[in-house]
Amino acid sequence: MNQRNGSPQGNPNYTYYKLAQDEYGASGNPACDSSLGTGIGSSCIFNDVTLGDTSVLCLASDGTFYNCYNPGGDYGVLSLDNNSYQPAFPATSG
């Protein structure tokens, strides 16, 4: 925002949070669910990410995996257990 306007405009976060609260409330807005793909509502300011987890490079420099479920390859997902998928930070509505 500052770059676009060419000068400092202050911290915009309070405005973003207000827009999100108006759009989603406490439980989300089904029209803004990112799972809808191109069918998302035209009035949506933000896309509510309701599916997924955090993909990470699992292999640490010492050759072990930490808080990562990895069924194969270098990348996996953050997990509470290295041996089974237990999402550490799952996406939820709202």
PDB file of N, CA and C in Angstrom:
ATOM      1  N   MET A   1       0.825  -1.182   0.000  1.00  0.00           N
ATOM      2  CA  MET A   1       0.000   0.000   0.000  1.00  0.00           C
ATOM      3  C   MET A   1       0.876   1.255   0.000  1.00  0.00           C
ATOM      4  N   ASN A   2       1.892   1.247   0.860  1.00  0.00           N
ATOM      5  CA  ASN A   2       2.787   2.400   0.910  1.00  0.00           C
ATOM      6  C   ASN A   2       3.492   2.605  -0.421  1.00  0.00           C
ATOM      7  N   GLN A   3       3.951   1.534  -1.038  1.00  0.00           N
ATOM      8  CA  GLN A   3       4.652   1.635  -2.315  1.00  0.00           C
ATOM      9  C   GLN A   3       3.715   2.181  -3.390  1.00  0.00           C
ATOM     10  N   ARG A   4       2.498   1.702  -3.423  1.00  0.00           N
ATOM     11  CA  ARG A   4       1.528   2.137  -4.432  1.00  0.00           C
ATOM     12  C   ARG A   4       1.231   3.624  -4.308  1.00  0.00           C
ATOM     13  N   ASN A   5       1.136   4.128  -3.085  1.00  0.00           N
ATOM     14  CA  ASN A   5       0.805   5.536  -2.870  1.00  0.00           C
ATOM     15  C   ASN A   5       2.021   6.436  -2.827  1.00  0.00           C
ATOM     16  N   GLY A   6       3.215   5.869  -2.798  1.00  0.00           N
ATOM     17  CA  GLY A   6       4.430   6.675  -2.852  1.00  0.00           C
ATOM     18  C   GLY A   6       4.828   7.318  -1.539  1.00  0.00           C
ATOM     19  N   SER A   7       4.095   7.053  -0.478  1.00  0.00           N
ATOM     20  CA  SER A   7       4.447   7.617   0.829  1.00  0.00           C
ATOM     21  C   SER A   7       3.806   6.766   1.913  1.00  0.00           C
ATOM     22  N   PRO A   8       4.323   6.860   3.137  1.00  0.00           N
ATOM     23  CA  PRO A   8       3.750   6.073   4.233  1.00  0.00           C
ATOM     24  C   PRO A   8       2.268   6.384   4.460  1.00  0.00           C
ATOM     25  N   GLN A   9       1.475   5.342   4.584  1.00  0.00           N
ATOM     26  CA  GLN A   9       0.038   5.504   4.801  1.00  0.00           C
ATOM     27  C   GLN A   9      -0.401   5.012   6.178  1.00  0.00           C
ATOM     28  N   GLY A  10       0.540   4.575   6.990  1.00  0.00           N
ATOM     29  CA  GLY A  10       0.177   4.032   8.291  1.00  0.00           C
ATOM     30  C   GLY A  10      -0.020   2.532   8.211  1.00  0.00           C
ATOM     31  N   ASN A  11      -0.383   1.928   9.299  1.00  0.00           N
ATOM     32  CA  ASN A  11      -0.564   0.489   9.374  1.00  0.00           C
ATOM     33  C   ASN A  11      -1.976   0.133   8.904  1.00  0.00           C
ATOM     34  N   PRO A  12      -2.111  -0.614   7.785  1.00  0.00           N
ATOM     35  CA  PRO A  12      -3.440  -0.936   7.259  1.00  0.00           C
ATOM     36  C   PRO A  12      -4.099  -2.141   7.922  1.00  0.00           C
ATOM     37  N   ASN A  13      -3.399  -2.816   8.845  1.00  0.00           N
ATOM     38  CA  ASN A  13      -3.924  -4.069   9.388  1.00  0.00           C
ATOM     39  C   ASN A  13      -5.296  -3.928  10.021  1.00  0.00           C
ATOM     40  N   TYR A  14      -5.567  -2.849  10.748  1.00  0.00           N
ATOM     41  CA  TYR A  14      -6.875  -2.719  11.391  1.00  0.00           C
ATOM     42  C   TYR A  14      -7.982  -2.701  10.342  1.00  0.00           C
ATOM     43  N   THR A  15      -7.720  -2.141   9.165  1.00  0.00           N
ATOM     44  CA  THR A  15      -8.710  -2.116   8.090  1.00  0.00           C
ATOM     45  C   THR A  15      -8.914  -3.511   7.512  1.00  0.00           C
ATOM     46  N   TYR A  16      -7.817  -4.235   7.297  1.00  0.00           N
ATOM     47  CA  TYR A  16      -7.918  -5.599   6.777  1.00  0.00           C
ATOM     48  C   TYR A  16      -8.714  -6.491   7.723  1.00  0.00           C
ATOM     49  N   TYR A  17      -8.420  -6.397   9.014  1.00  0.00           N
ATOM     50  CA  TYR A  17      -9.131  -7.225   9.987  1.00  0.00           C
ATOM     51  C   TYR A  17     -10.611  -6.867  10.050  1.00  0.00           C
ATOM     52  N   LYS A  18     -10.941  -5.613   9.905  1.00  0.00           N
ATOM     53  CA  LYS A  18     -12.343  -5.179   9.902  1.00  0.00           C
ATOM     54  C   LYS A  18     -13.058  -5.720   8.663  1.00  0.00           C
ATOM     55  N   LEU A  19     -12.406  -5.644   7.496  1.00  0.00           N
ATOM     56  CA  LEU A  19     -12.999  -6.181   6.274  1.00  0.00           C
ATOM     57  C   LEU A  19     -13.240  -7.688   6.407  1.00  0.00           C
ATOM     58  N   ALA A  20     -12.264  -8.392   6.953  1.00  0.00           N
ATOM     59  CA  ALA A  20     -12.397  -9.839   7.136  1.00  0.00           C
ATOM     60  C   ALA A  20     -13.522 -10.159   8.125  1.00  0.00           C
ATOM     61  N   GLN A  21     -13.625  -9.427   9.205  1.00  0.00           N
ATOM     62  CA  GLN A  21     -14.688  -9.658  10.194  1.00  0.00           C
ATOM     63  C   GLN A  21     -16.054  -9.427   9.567  1.00  0.00           C
ATOM     64  N   ASP A  22     -16.189  -8.359   8.777  1.00  0.00           N
ATOM     65  CA  ASP A  22     -17.463  -8.070   8.121  1.00  0.00           C
ATOM     66  C   ASP A  22     -17.830  -9.158   7.120  1.00  0.00           C
ATOM     67  N   GLU A  23     -16.826  -9.681   6.416  1.00  0.00           N
ATOM     68  CA  GLU A  23     -17.090 -10.689   5.395  1.00  0.00           C
ATOM     69  C   GLU A  23     -17.365 -12.060   5.984  1.00  0.00           C
ATOM     70  N   TYR A  24     -16.596 -12.464   6.983  1.00  0.00           N
ATOM     71  CA  TYR A  24     -16.661 -13.825   7.491  1.00  0.00           C
ATOM     72  C   TYR A  24     -17.408 -13.996   8.798  1.00  0.00           C
ATOM     73  N   GLY A  25     -17.409 -12.988   9.659  1.00  0.00           N
ATOM     74  CA  GLY A  25     -17.982 -13.173  10.977  1.00  0.00           C
ATOM     75  C   GLY A  25     -17.204 -14.250  11.715  1.00  0.00           C
ATOM     76  N   ALA A  26     -17.848 -14.971  12.596  1.00  0.00           N
ATOM     77  CA  ALA A  26     -17.169 -15.994  13.391  1.00  0.00           C
ATOM     78  C   ALA A  26     -17.130 -17.349  12.696  1.00  0.00           C
ATOM     79  N   SER A  27     -18.010 -17.564  11.707  1.00  0.00           N
ATOM     80  CA  SER A  27     -18.118 -18.904  11.139  1.00  0.00           C
ATOM     81  C   SER A  27     -17.782 -19.009   9.661  1.00  0.00           C
ATOM     82  N   GLY A  28     -17.375 -17.942   9.034  1.00  0.00           N
ATOM     83  CA  GLY A  28     -17.023 -17.999   7.619  1.00  0.00           C
ATOM     84  C   GLY A  28     -18.186 -17.628   6.719  1.00  0.00           C
ATOM     85  N   ASN A  29     -17.884 -17.501   5.445  1.00  0.00           N
ATOM     86  CA  ASN A  29     -18.868 -17.158   4.434  1.00  0.00           C
ATOM     87  C   ASN A  29     -18.768 -18.210   3.335  1.00  0.00           C
ATOM     88  N   PRO A  30     -19.781 -19.086   3.174  1.00  0.00           N
ATOM     89  CA  PRO A  30     -19.694 -20.173   2.207  1.00  0.00           C
ATOM     90  C   PRO A  30     -19.425 -19.707   0.777  1.00  0.00           C
ATOM     91  N   ALA A  31     -19.857 -18.497   0.418  1.00  0.00           N
ATOM     92  CA  ALA A  31     -19.643 -17.992  -0.938  1.00  0.00           C
ATOM     93  C   ALA A  31     -18.174 -17.673  -1.205  1.00  0.00           C
ATOM     94  N   CYS A  32     -17.379 -17.518  -0.137  1.00  0.00           N
ATOM     95  CA  CYS A  32     -15.976 -17.132  -0.277  1.00  0.00           C
ATOM     96  C   CYS A  32     -15.011 -18.286  -0.021  1.00  0.00           C
ATOM     97  N   ASP A  33     -15.528 -19.516  -0.014  1.00  0.00           N
ATOM     98  CA  ASP A  33     -14.710 -20.695   0.232  1.00  0.00           C
ATOM     99  C   ASP A  33     -13.788 -20.942  -0.966  1.00  0.00           C
ATOM    100  N   SER A  34     -12.492 -20.959  -0.753  1.00  0.00           N
ATOM    101  CA  SER A  34     -11.531 -21.125  -1.848  1.00  0.00           C
ATOM    102  C   SER A  34     -11.698 -22.451  -2.576  1.00  0.00           C
ATOM    103  N   SER A  35     -12.364 -23.421  -1.954  1.00  0.00           N
ATOM    104  CA  SER A  35     -12.606 -24.710  -2.602  1.00  0.00           C
ATOM    105  C   SER A  35     -13.529 -24.575  -3.812  1.00  0.00           C
ATOM    106  N   LEU A  36     -14.224 -23.448  -3.932  1.00  0.00           N
ATOM    107  CA  LEU A  36     -15.121 -23.217  -5.064  1.00  0.00           C
ATOM    108  C   LEU A  36     -14.358 -22.864  -6.343  1.00  0.00           C
ATOM    109  N   GLY A  37     -13.069 -22.590  -6.217  1.00  0.00           N
ATOM    110  CA  GLY A  37     -12.263 -22.228  -7.392  1.00  0.00           C
ATOM    111  C   GLY A  37     -12.790 -20.979  -8.063  1.00  0.00           C
ATOM    112  N   THR A  38     -13.056 -21.048  -9.367  1.00  0.00           N
ATOM    113  CA  THR A  38     -13.542 -19.872 -10.098  1.00  0.00           C
ATOM    114  C   THR A  38     -14.997 -19.556  -9.784  1.00  0.00           C
ATOM    115  N   GLY A  39     -15.679 -20.415  -9.019  1.00  0.00           N
ATOM    116  CA  GLY A  39     -17.064 -20.173  -8.645  1.00  0.00           C
ATOM    117  C   GLY A  39     -17.216 -19.352  -7.383  1.00  0.00           C
ATOM    118  N   ILE A  40     -16.111 -18.804  -6.886  1.00  0.00           N
ATOM    119  CA  ILE A  40     -16.151 -18.002  -5.658  1.00  0.00           C
ATOM    120  C   ILE A  40     -16.987 -16.750  -5.879  1.00  0.00           C
ATOM    121  N   GLY A  41     -17.663 -16.277  -4.839  1.00  0.00           N
ATOM    122  CA  GLY A  41     -18.535 -15.118  -4.937  1.00  0.00           C
ATOM    123  C   GLY A  41     -17.801 -13.868  -5.417  1.00  0.00           C
ATOM    124  N   SER A  42     -18.425 -13.099  -6.295  1.00  0.00           N
ATOM    125  CA  SER A  42     -17.784 -11.909  -6.861  1.00  0.00           C
ATOM    126  C   SER A  42     -17.614 -10.796  -5.837  1.00  0.00           C
ATOM    127  N   SER A  43     -18.358 -10.829  -4.738  1.00  0.00           N
ATOM    128  CA  SER A  43     -18.235  -9.787  -3.715  1.00  0.00           C
ATOM    129  C   SER A  43     -17.203 -10.130  -2.646  1.00  0.00           C
ATOM    130  N   CYS A  44     -16.569 -11.288  -2.762  1.00  0.00           N
ATOM    131  CA  CYS A  44     -15.591 -11.719  -1.758  1.00  0.00           C
ATOM    132  C   CYS A  44     -14.308 -10.888  -1.857  1.00  0.00           C
ATOM    133  N   ILE A  45     -13.869 -10.371  -0.733  1.00  0.00           N
ATOM    134  CA  ILE A  45     -12.617  -9.623  -0.666  1.00  0.00           C
ATOM    135  C   ILE A  45     -11.472 -10.585  -0.428  1.00  0.00           C
ATOM    136  N   PHE A  46     -11.695 -11.561   0.436  1.00  0.00           N
ATOM    137  CA  PHE A  46     -10.702 -12.570   0.776  1.00  0.00           C
ATOM    138  C   PHE A  46     -11.239 -13.947   0.400  1.00  0.00           C
ATOM    139  N   ASN A  47     -10.335 -14.890   0.169  1.00  0.00           N
ATOM    140  CA  ASN A  47     -10.718 -16.276  -0.078  1.00  0.00           C
ATOM    141  C   ASN A  47     -10.469 -17.053   1.202  1.00  0.00           C
ATOM    142  N   ASP A  48     -11.510 -17.715   1.699  1.00  0.00           N
ATOM    143  CA  ASP A  48     -11.417 -18.496   2.925  1.00  0.00           C
ATOM    144  C   ASP A  48     -10.810 -19.862   2.598  1.00  0.00           C
ATOM    145  N   VAL A  49      -9.574 -20.098   3.031  1.00  0.00           N
ATOM    146  CA  VAL A  49      -8.899 -21.365   2.777  1.00  0.00           C
ATOM    147  C   VAL A  49      -9.382 -22.381   3.801  1.00  0.00           C
ATOM    148  N   THR A  50     -10.152 -23.373   3.341  1.00  0.00           N
ATOM    149  CA  THR A  50     -10.779 -24.324   4.247  1.00  0.00           C
ATOM    150  C   THR A  50     -10.208 -25.733   4.145  1.00  0.00           C
ATOM    151  N   LEU A  51      -9.347 -25.967   3.186  1.00  0.00           N
ATOM    152  CA  LEU A  51      -8.729 -27.278   3.010  1.00  0.00           C
ATOM    153  C   LEU A  51      -7.224 -27.121   2.926  1.00  0.00           C
ATOM    154  N   GLY A  52      -6.506 -28.089   3.441  1.00  0.00           N
ATOM    155  CA  GLY A  52      -5.062 -28.075   3.276  1.00  0.00           C
ATOM    156  C   GLY A  52      -4.309 -28.020   4.586  1.00  0.00           C
ATOM    157  N   ASP A  53      -3.015 -27.963   4.467  1.00  0.00           N
ATOM    158  CA  ASP A  53      -2.106 -27.933   5.593  1.00  0.00           C
ATOM    159  C   ASP A  53      -0.835 -27.237   5.120  1.00  0.00           C
ATOM    160  N   THR A  54       0.175 -27.213   5.951  1.00  0.00           N
ATOM    161  CA  THR A  54       1.408 -26.524   5.625  1.00  0.00           C
ATOM    162  C   THR A  54       2.435 -27.514   5.093  1.00  0.00           C
ATOM    163  N   SER A  55       2.778 -27.371   3.813  1.00  0.00           N
ATOM    164  CA  SER A  55       3.772 -28.234   3.178  1.00  0.00           C
ATOM    165  C   SER A  55       5.166 -27.697   3.484  1.00  0.00           C
ATOM    166  N   VAL A  56       6.078 -28.596   3.870  1.00  0.00           N
ATOM    167  CA  VAL A  56       7.423 -28.171   4.267  1.00  0.00           C
ATOM    168  C   VAL A  56       8.479 -29.142   3.769  1.00  0.00           C
ATOM    169  N   LEU A  57       9.703 -28.675   3.721  1.00  0.00           N
ATOM    170  CA  LEU A  57      10.837 -29.541   3.456  1.00  0.00           C
ATOM    171  C   LEU A  57      11.111 -30.294   4.747  1.00  0.00           C
ATOM    172  N   CYS A  58      10.909 -31.600   4.725  1.00  0.00           N
ATOM    173  CA  CYS A  58      10.953 -32.386   5.956  1.00  0.00           C
ATOM    174  C   CYS A  58      12.354 -32.729   6.443  1.00  0.00           C
ATOM    175  N   LEU A  59      13.262 -32.929   5.541  1.00  0.00           N
ATOM    176  CA  LEU A  59      14.573 -33.436   5.924  1.00  0.00           C
ATOM    177  C   LEU A  59      15.423 -32.335   6.562  1.00  0.00           C
ATOM    178  N   ALA A  60      15.772 -32.510   7.829  1.00  0.00           N
ATOM    179  CA  ALA A  60      16.625 -31.555   8.536  1.00  0.00           C
ATOM    180  C   ALA A  60      18.084 -31.768   8.131  1.00  0.00           C
ATOM    181  N   SER A  61      18.931 -30.821   8.447  1.00  0.00           N
ATOM    182  CA  SER A  61      20.339 -30.901   8.057  1.00  0.00           C
ATOM    183  C   SER A  61      21.051 -32.100   8.665  1.00  0.00           C
ATOM    184  N   ASP A  62      20.541 -32.627   9.787  1.00  0.00           N
ATOM    185  CA  ASP A  62      21.171 -33.803  10.399  1.00  0.00           C
ATOM    186  C   ASP A  62      20.582 -35.115   9.872  1.00  0.00           C
ATOM    187  N   GLY A  63      19.688 -35.034   8.845  1.00  0.00           N
ATOM    188  CA  GLY A  63      19.144 -36.225   8.214  1.00  0.00           C
ATOM    189  C   GLY A  63      17.903 -36.790   8.865  1.00  0.00           C
ATOM    190  N   THR A  64      17.325 -36.096   9.826  1.00  0.00           N
ATOM    191  CA  THR A  64      16.117 -36.580  10.492  1.00  0.00           C
ATOM    192  C   THR A  64      14.927 -35.704  10.140  1.00  0.00           C
ATOM    193  N   PHE A  65      13.744 -36.200  10.465  1.00  0.00           N
ATOM    194  CA  PHE A  65      12.505 -35.463  10.253  1.00  0.00           C
ATOM    195  C   PHE A  65      11.998 -34.955  11.598  1.00  0.00           C
ATOM    196  N   TYR A  66      11.526 -33.719  11.622  1.00  0.00           N
ATOM    197  CA  TYR A  66      10.980 -33.135  12.847  1.00  0.00           C
ATOM    198  C   TYR A  66       9.591 -32.600  12.573  1.00  0.00           C
ATOM    199  N   ASN A  67       8.600 -33.071  13.336  1.00  0.00           N
ATOM    200  CA  ASN A  67       7.225 -32.578  13.219  1.00  0.00           C
ATOM    201  C   ASN A  67       6.751 -32.551  11.772  1.00  0.00           C
ATOM    202  N   CYS A  68       7.038 -33.650  11.073  1.00  0.00           N
ATOM    203  CA  CYS A  68       6.716 -33.692   9.659  1.00  0.00           C
ATOM    204  C   CYS A  68       6.339 -35.108   9.256  1.00  0.00           C
ATOM    205  N   TYR A  69       5.174 -35.246   8.628  1.00  0.00           N
ATOM    206  CA  TYR A  69       4.793 -36.539   8.078  1.00  0.00           C
ATOM    207  C   TYR A  69       5.209 -36.548   6.622  1.00  0.00           C
ATOM    208  N   ASN A  70       6.007 -37.529   6.273  1.00  0.00           N
ATOM    209  CA  ASN A  70       6.557 -37.599   4.934  1.00  0.00           C
ATOM    210  C   ASN A  70       6.506 -39.040   4.447  1.00  0.00           C
ATOM    211  N   PRO A  71       5.499 -39.379   3.615  1.00  0.00           N
ATOM    212  CA  PRO A  71       5.419 -40.746   3.115  1.00  0.00           C
ATOM    213  C   PRO A  71       6.457 -41.046   2.028  1.00  0.00           C
ATOM    214  N   GLY A  72       7.193 -40.047   1.575  1.00  0.00           N
ATOM    215  CA  GLY A  72       8.227 -40.250   0.560  1.00  0.00           C
ATOM    216  C   GLY A  72       8.665 -38.931  -0.041  1.00  0.00           C
ATOM    217  N   GLY A  73       9.908 -38.838  -0.458  1.00  0.00           N
ATOM    218  CA  GLY A  73      10.411 -37.601  -1.051  1.00  0.00           C
ATOM    219  C   GLY A  73      10.943 -36.649   0.003  1.00  0.00           C
ATOM    220  N   ASP A  74      11.254 -35.444  -0.417  1.00  0.00           N
ATOM    221  CA  ASP A  74      11.815 -34.446   0.493  1.00  0.00           C
ATOM    222  C   ASP A  74      10.751 -33.631   1.221  1.00  0.00           C
ATOM    223  N   TYR A  75       9.582 -33.435   0.581  1.00  0.00           N
ATOM    224  CA  TYR A  75       8.551 -32.579   1.161  1.00  0.00           C
ATOM    225  C   TYR A  75       7.441 -33.398   1.796  1.00  0.00           C
ATOM    226  N   GLY A  76       6.885 -32.861   2.871  1.00  0.00           N
ATOM    227  CA  GLY A  76       5.768 -33.472   3.570  1.00  0.00           C
ATOM    228  C   GLY A  76       4.907 -32.375   4.157  1.00  0.00           C
ATOM    229  N   VAL A  77       4.171 -32.692   5.208  1.00  0.00           N
ATOM    230  CA  VAL A  77       3.318 -31.696   5.859  1.00  0.00           C
ATOM    231  C   VAL A  77       3.632 -31.653   7.347  1.00  0.00           C
ATOM    232  N   LEU A  78       3.458 -30.475   7.930  1.00  0.00           N
ATOM    233  CA  LEU A  78       3.647 -30.354   9.369  1.00  0.00           C
ATOM    234  C   LEU A  78       2.657 -31.277  10.065  1.00  0.00           C
ATOM    235  N   SER A  79       3.147 -32.042  11.009  1.00  0.00           N
ATOM    236  CA  SER A  79       2.321 -33.043  11.676  1.00  0.00           C
ATOM    237  C   SER A  79       2.758 -33.189  13.128  1.00  0.00           C
ATOM    238  N   LEU A  80       1.830 -33.600  13.965  1.00  0.00           N
ATOM    239  CA  LEU A  80       2.145 -33.831  15.370  1.00  0.00           C
ATOM    240  C   LEU A  80       2.890 -35.148  15.566  1.00  0.00           C
ATOM    241  N   ASP A  81       2.936 -35.962  14.515  1.00  0.00           N
ATOM    242  CA  ASP A  81       3.600 -37.262  14.575  1.00  0.00           C
ATOM    243  C   ASP A  81       4.356 -37.483  13.270  1.00  0.00           C
ATOM    244  N   ASN A  82       5.569 -37.974  13.342  1.00  0.00           N
ATOM    245  CA  ASN A  82       6.356 -38.232  12.138  1.00  0.00           C
ATOM    246  C   ASN A  82       5.901 -39.480  11.394  1.00  0.00           C
ATOM    247  N   ASN A  83       5.172 -40.382  12.047  1.00  0.00           N
ATOM    248  CA  ASN A  83       4.810 -41.668  11.453  1.00  0.00           C
ATOM    249  C   ASN A  83       3.394 -41.735  10.912  1.00  0.00           C
ATOM    250  N   SER A  84       2.551 -40.761  11.231  1.00  0.00           N
ATOM    251  CA  SER A  84       1.197 -40.726  10.713  1.00  0.00           C
ATOM    252  C   SER A  84       0.785 -39.264  10.555  1.00  0.00           C
ATOM    253  N   TYR A  85      -0.169 -39.060   9.667  1.00  0.00           N
ATOM    254  CA  TYR A  85      -0.604 -37.692   9.388  1.00  0.00           C
ATOM    255  C   TYR A  85      -1.559 -37.209  10.480  1.00  0.00           C
ATOM    256  N   GLN A  86      -1.063 -36.290  11.311  1.00  0.00           N
ATOM    257  CA  GLN A  86      -1.843 -35.636  12.349  1.00  0.00           C
ATOM    258  C   GLN A  86      -1.595 -34.142  12.187  1.00  0.00           C
ATOM    259  N   PRO A  87      -2.465 -33.457  11.421  1.00  0.00           N
ATOM    260  CA  PRO A  87      -2.223 -32.057  11.059  1.00  0.00           C
ATOM    261  C   PRO A  87      -1.848 -31.179  12.242  1.00  0.00           C
ATOM    262  N   ALA A  88      -0.773 -30.423  12.076  1.00  0.00           N
ATOM    263  CA  ALA A  88      -0.333 -29.495  13.107  1.00  0.00           C
ATOM    264  C   ALA A  88      -1.077 -28.166  12.992  1.00  0.00           C
ATOM    265  N   PHE A  89      -1.327 -27.730  11.761  1.00  0.00           N
ATOM    266  CA  PHE A  89      -2.014 -26.461  11.513  1.00  0.00           C
ATOM    267  C   PHE A  89      -3.007 -26.626  10.379  1.00  0.00           C
ATOM    268  N   PRO A  90      -4.104 -27.377  10.587  1.00  0.00           N
ATOM    269  CA  PRO A  90      -5.058 -27.586   9.495  1.00  0.00           C
ATOM    270  C   PRO A  90      -5.860 -26.331   9.202  1.00  0.00           C
ATOM    271  N   ALA A  91      -6.243 -26.164   7.945  1.00  0.00           N
ATOM    272  CA  ALA A  91      -7.102 -25.054   7.553  1.00  0.00           C
ATOM    273  C   ALA A  91      -8.513 -25.319   8.053  1.00  0.00           C
ATOM    274  N   THR A  92      -9.197 -24.251   8.489  1.00  0.00           N
ATOM    275  CA  THR A  92     -10.581 -24.363   8.924  1.00  0.00           C
ATOM    276  C   THR A  92     -11.357 -23.147   8.439  1.00  0.00           C
ATOM    277  N   SER A  93     -12.640 -23.222   8.431  1.00  0.00           N
ATOM    278  CA  SER A  93     -13.482 -22.119   7.981  1.00  0.00           C
ATOM    279  C   SER A  93     -13.349 -20.920   8.915  1.00  0.00           C
ATOM    280  N   GLY A  94     -13.385 -19.744   8.309  1.00  0.00           N
ATOM    281  CA  GLY A  94     -13.360 -18.503   9.085  1.00  0.00           C
ATOM    282  C   GLY A  94     -11.973 -18.010   9.367  1.00  0.00           C
TER     283      GLY A  94
END
